[in-house]
């Protein structure tokens, strides 16, 4: 079982990648996570990191996702982390959420294979689809 410090370290990697893209797009987490694609992207980033860290799909994976969203919520008062997690769990079958999640997973695994390939799909989505 992963300890809390390890989960926080993994979560921090994902949050920094998301926060960097949000800063480039001049968006706050609440703006990006209102959109199911953006919510799915963040979920996919955290899920990919959980896979890479070989966390189990149960308590460890859920713990990582919760800790990760908690960190993003500290930057925004528009929505609580609990609401983001609940909405992500409720949206698993939504096509837009799934597309975002696939993009998040792909961005992370591409970056893990070549660290010069910075994750950017969230930024691109925000620039093209959200005003």
Protein backbone atom coordinates (compact mmCIF):
# COMPACT_ATOMS: atom_id res chain seq x y z
CA UNK A 1 0.00 0.00 0.00
CA UNK A 2 1.25 3.48 -0.88
CA UNK A 3 1.80 5.88 1.97
CA UNK A 4 0.29 9.38 2.01
CA UNK A 5 3.63 11.06 1.28
CA UNK A 6 4.14 8.95 -1.85
CA UNK A 7 0.59 9.64 -3.05
CA UNK A 8 1.07 13.38 -2.48
CA UNK A 9 4.31 13.31 -4.49
CA UNK A 10 2.62 11.54 -7.41
CA UNK A 11 -0.38 13.88 -7.21
CA UNK A 12 1.93 16.88 -7.26
CA UNK A 13 3.40 15.79 -10.60
CA UNK A 14 -0.04 15.64 -12.20
CA UNK A 15 -1.22 18.89 -10.64
CA UNK A 16 1.86 20.75 -11.87
CA UNK A 17 1.28 19.54 -15.42
CA UNK A 18 -2.34 20.62 -15.28
CA UNK A 19 -1.59 23.94 -13.57
CA UNK A 20 1.06 24.74 -16.22
CA UNK A 21 -1.50 24.24 -18.98
CA UNK A 22 -4.12 26.26 -17.12
CA UNK A 23 -1.64 29.12 -16.69
CA UNK A 24 -0.85 29.08 -20.42
CA UNK A 25 -4.56 29.23 -21.21
CA UNK A 26 -5.15 31.84 -18.47
CA UNK A 27 -7.89 29.68 -16.94
CA UNK A 28 -8.66 28.71 -13.37
CA UNK A 29 -9.30 25.06 -12.43
CA UNK A 30 -13.01 25.74 -11.94
CA UNK A 31 -13.31 27.00 -15.51
CA UNK A 32 -11.58 23.96 -16.97
CA UNK A 33 -13.33 21.42 -14.76
CA UNK A 34 -16.84 22.69 -15.51
CA UNK A 35 -16.27 21.17 -18.93
CA UNK A 36 -16.58 17.36 -18.94
CA UNK A 37 -13.70 17.03 -21.40
CA UNK A 38 -11.44 19.05 -19.06
CA UNK A 39 -12.60 17.05 -16.04
CA UNK A 40 -11.92 13.83 -17.95
CA UNK A 41 -8.48 15.07 -18.97
CA UNK A 42 -7.50 15.72 -15.35
CA UNK A 43 -8.89 12.36 -14.30
CA UNK A 44 -6.89 10.71 -17.10
CA UNK A 45 -3.68 12.42 -16.02
CA UNK A 46 -4.12 11.22 -12.45
CA UNK A 47 -5.16 7.73 -13.60
CA UNK A 48 -2.09 7.42 -15.86
CA UNK A 49 0.19 8.42 -13.00
CA UNK A 50 -1.51 5.85 -10.76
CA UNK A 51 -0.94 3.19 -13.43
CA UNK A 52 2.71 4.18 -13.82
CA UNK A 53 3.20 4.05 -10.03
CA UNK A 54 1.52 0.62 -10.03
CA UNK A 55 -1.12 1.72 -7.52
CA UNK A 56 -4.04 -0.64 -7.06
CA UNK A 57 -7.34 0.38 -8.64
CA UNK A 58 -9.04 0.53 -5.26
CA UNK A 59 -8.03 2.61 -2.29
CA UNK A 60 -4.64 3.71 -3.64
CA UNK A 61 -5.92 4.85 -7.03
CA UNK A 62 -8.97 6.53 -5.56
CA UNK A 63 -6.79 8.13 -2.90
CA UNK A 64 -4.48 9.56 -5.55
CA UNK A 65 -7.37 10.98 -7.56
CA UNK A 66 -8.91 12.53 -4.45
CA UNK A 67 -5.61 14.04 -3.25
CA UNK A 68 -4.96 15.36 -6.75
CA UNK A 69 -8.31 17.09 -7.05
CA UNK A 70 -7.93 18.47 -3.52
CA UNK A 71 -4.72 20.18 -4.63
CA UNK A 72 -6.43 21.75 -7.63
CA UNK A 73 -9.35 22.91 -5.48
CA UNK A 74 -6.97 24.93 -3.31
CA UNK A 75 -6.52 27.20 -6.31
CA UNK A 76 -10.20 27.73 -6.95
CA UNK A 77 -13.31 28.39 -4.91
CA UNK A 78 -15.69 27.61 -7.77
CA UNK A 79 -16.15 23.97 -6.91
CA UNK A 80 -14.97 21.66 -4.17
CA UNK A 81 -12.68 18.70 -4.74
CA UNK A 82 -15.40 16.36 -3.50
CA UNK A 83 -17.73 17.66 -6.21
CA UNK A 84 -15.07 17.16 -8.88
CA UNK A 85 -14.40 13.61 -7.75
CA UNK A 86 -18.12 12.79 -7.56
CA UNK A 87 -18.75 14.35 -10.97
CA UNK A 88 -15.80 12.44 -12.46
CA UNK A 89 -17.13 9.15 -11.10
CA UNK A 90 -20.63 9.93 -12.38
CA UNK A 91 -19.31 10.89 -15.84
CA UNK A 92 -17.37 7.72 -16.65
CA UNK A 93 -19.73 6.78 -19.49
CA UNK A 94 -19.98 10.30 -20.98
CA UNK A 95 -18.29 10.47 -24.40
CA UNK A 96 -16.76 13.91 -23.82
CA UNK A 97 -15.37 12.84 -20.42
CA UNK A 98 -13.95 9.67 -21.97
CA UNK A 99 -12.26 11.63 -24.78
CA UNK A 100 -10.68 13.95 -22.23
CA UNK A 101 -9.54 11.01 -20.10
CA UNK A 102 -7.93 9.31 -23.10
CA UNK A 103 -6.14 12.58 -23.96
CA UNK A 104 -4.89 12.89 -20.37
CA UNK A 105 -3.59 9.32 -20.28
CA UNK A 106 -1.97 9.76 -23.71
CA UNK A 107 -0.29 13.01 -22.69
CA UNK A 108 1.23 11.43 -19.58
CA UNK A 109 2.47 8.27 -21.28
CA UNK A 110 3.92 10.30 -24.16
CA UNK A 111 5.72 12.52 -21.62
CA UNK A 112 6.96 9.50 -19.67
CA UNK A 113 8.45 8.09 -22.89
CA UNK A 114 10.06 11.44 -23.83
CA UNK A 115 10.19 14.20 -21.21
CA UNK A 116 10.69 16.81 -23.94
CA UNK A 117 7.07 16.11 -25.01
CA UNK A 118 5.23 18.27 -22.50
CA UNK A 119 1.55 17.48 -21.94
CA UNK A 120 -0.52 20.07 -23.80
CA UNK A 121 -3.89 18.62 -24.78
CA UNK A 122 -5.73 20.47 -21.99
CA UNK A 123 -4.22 23.79 -23.06
CA UNK A 124 -5.15 23.11 -26.69
CA UNK A 125 -8.69 22.16 -25.70
CA UNK A 126 -9.12 25.25 -23.54
CA UNK A 127 -7.79 27.52 -26.26
CA UNK A 128 -10.06 26.07 -28.96
CA UNK A 129 -13.24 25.12 -27.15
CA UNK A 130 -13.62 27.28 -24.05
CA UNK A 131 -13.84 31.03 -24.10
